[in-house]
Protein backbone atom coordinates (compact mmCIF):
# COMPACT_ATOMS: atom_id res chain seq x y z
CA MET A 1 76.11 38.29 112.71
CA LYS A 2 77.99 41.01 115.05
CA GLU A 3 76.33 43.72 113.73
CA ASP A 4 72.69 42.16 114.25
CA HIS A 5 73.75 41.08 117.78
CA ARG A 6 74.94 44.60 118.52
CA GLN A 7 71.56 46.14 117.11
CA ASN A 8 69.05 43.61 119.11
CA PHE A 9 71.72 44.21 122.41
CA LEU A 10 70.58 47.64 121.73
CA ASP A 11 66.88 47.69 121.48
CA ALA A 12 66.76 45.22 124.48
CA VAL A 13 68.39 47.92 126.94
CA GLN A 14 65.89 50.92 125.33
CA SER A 15 63.10 48.64 125.97
CA ILE A 16 64.16 47.75 129.40
CA ALA A 17 64.98 51.95 130.06
CA GLU A 18 61.17 52.85 128.44
CA SER A 19 59.47 50.35 130.57
CA VAL A 20 61.44 51.53 133.56
CA PHE A 21 59.84 55.23 132.99
CA ASP A 22 56.24 54.11 131.79
CA PHE A 23 56.22 52.27 135.17
CA HIS A 24 57.37 54.28 137.64
CA ASP A 25 54.82 56.90 135.25
CA ARG A 26 52.46 54.77 135.37
CA TRP A 27 52.53 54.28 139.08
CA SER A 28 53.21 57.70 140.26
CA LEU A 29 56.47 56.79 141.39
CA LEU A 30 58.60 60.09 140.82
CA ASP A 31 58.59 62.84 142.99
CA ASN A 32 60.93 65.92 142.10
CA LYS A 33 60.22 67.13 145.55
CA LYS A 34 62.36 64.26 147.28
CA PRO A 35 66.02 64.24 148.04
CA ALA A 36 67.45 62.15 145.54
CA HIS A 37 69.42 60.08 148.41
CA LEU A 38 65.98 59.47 150.64
CA ALA A 39 64.69 58.46 147.26
CA ILE A 40 67.76 55.73 146.66
CA GLU A 41 67.42 54.69 150.42
CA GLU A 42 63.67 53.82 149.62
CA ARG A 43 64.64 52.05 146.82
CA LYS A 44 67.55 50.13 148.50
CA GLU A 45 66.24 47.37 149.49
CA LEU A 46 64.64 46.05 146.42
CA LEU A 47 67.95 46.10 144.78
CA LEU A 48 69.54 43.94 147.28
CA GLU A 49 66.48 41.70 147.18
CA GLU A 50 67.14 41.35 142.96
CA VAL A 51 70.56 40.89 143.47
CA ASN A 52 70.30 38.21 146.54
CA GLU A 53 68.09 36.61 144.09
CA LEU A 54 70.62 36.75 140.97
CA ASN A 55 73.11 35.53 143.34
CA ASP A 56 71.12 32.54 144.53
CA GLU A 57 70.59 31.49 141.19
CA ILE A 58 74.50 31.87 140.27
CA ASN A 59 74.73 29.82 143.56
CA LYS A 60 72.78 26.96 142.58
CA THR A 61 73.76 23.14 142.10
CA ASP A 62 74.76 22.17 138.64
CA GLU A 63 71.46 20.52 137.76
CA ASP A 64 69.58 23.57 139.11
CA LYS A 65 70.95 25.88 137.32
CA SER A 66 68.93 27.17 134.59
CA ILE A 67 70.26 29.80 131.11
CA LYS A 68 66.95 31.69 131.05
CA LEU A 69 66.57 32.16 135.35
CA LEU A 70 70.11 33.54 135.39
CA SER A 71 69.20 35.83 132.67
CA ARG A 72 65.77 37.47 134.21
CA GLU A 73 67.33 37.82 137.49
CA ALA A 74 70.31 39.91 135.82
CA ALA A 75 67.44 41.60 133.72
CA ASP A 76 66.09 41.89 137.45
CA VAL A 77 68.89 43.81 138.39
CA LEU A 78 69.21 45.98 135.65
CA TYR A 79 65.56 47.27 135.25
CA VAL A 80 65.53 48.19 139.26
CA SER A 81 68.91 50.08 138.51
CA VAL A 82 67.58 51.70 135.77
CA GLY A 83 64.57 52.47 138.16
CA HIS A 84 67.43 53.99 140.85
CA LEU A 85 68.54 56.15 137.93
CA LEU A 86 65.58 57.45 136.79
CA ALA A 87 64.48 58.45 140.39
CA LEU A 88 68.06 60.18 140.85
CA ARG A 89 66.83 62.25 137.62
CA ASN A 90 68.92 64.65 135.98
CA ASP A 91 71.82 63.87 137.84
CA GLY A 92 71.07 60.30 137.50
CA LEU A 93 70.85 61.19 133.25
CA GLU A 94 74.24 62.86 133.70
CA ALA A 95 75.84 59.86 135.39
CA MET A 96 75.11 57.47 133.00
CA TYR A 97 76.63 59.37 129.99
CA GLN A 98 79.68 60.46 132.51
CA VAL A 99 80.11 56.47 132.96
CA SER A 100 79.40 55.53 129.02
CA LYS A 101 81.85 58.58 127.85
CA LYS A 102 83.98 57.11 130.86
CA ASN A 103 84.46 53.65 129.93
CA ASN A 104 84.19 53.99 125.71
CA ASN A 105 87.48 56.24 126.40
CA LYS A 106 89.43 52.91 127.67
CA THR A 107 91.59 51.37 124.85
CA LYS A 108 94.31 48.84 124.53
CA GLN A 109 96.18 52.02 124.65
CA THR A 110 95.05 53.03 127.99
CA HIS A 111 94.03 50.10 129.73
CA PHE A 112 94.45 45.89 129.98
CA PHE A 113 92.42 43.41 130.83
CA ASP A 114 93.99 41.66 134.40
CA LYS A 115 93.38 37.99 133.56
CA LYS A 116 93.60 37.09 137.53
CA GLU A 117 91.02 39.83 138.56
CA LYS A 118 88.78 39.40 135.55
CA LYS A 119 88.64 43.29 135.01
CA VAL A 120 90.13 46.26 132.53
CA LYS A 121 92.83 48.29 134.86
CA LYS A 122 94.74 51.31 133.31
CA LEU A 123 97.89 50.67 132.69
CA ASN A 124 100.84 52.45 134.64
CA ILE A 125 102.54 54.71 132.19
């Protein structure tokens, strides 16, 4: 069961990555000559809009909350974020690998989950 869920999750993330790449290719949105900071500056409002829509969904009253809408808004944030990394070209790819490696190296021997802050933090060893 856990392995099925893992594989379904990985398949869904790959589907997003493929879609983001194809979308940017279809609309000729990748400009290799554009400075990285300018590319992200131009995309910033897209990400802010999606984060705000996610926040709006989170803040709905209990009777108006929808897990389907919450999930779609979270997926929209991911989609635009992946587009940001694609726009950063090789630096974006390298950053994804670095962040994955950094988080993969966090273990219960080096880190702990702070229940108050609800995040993984480094042990003071």
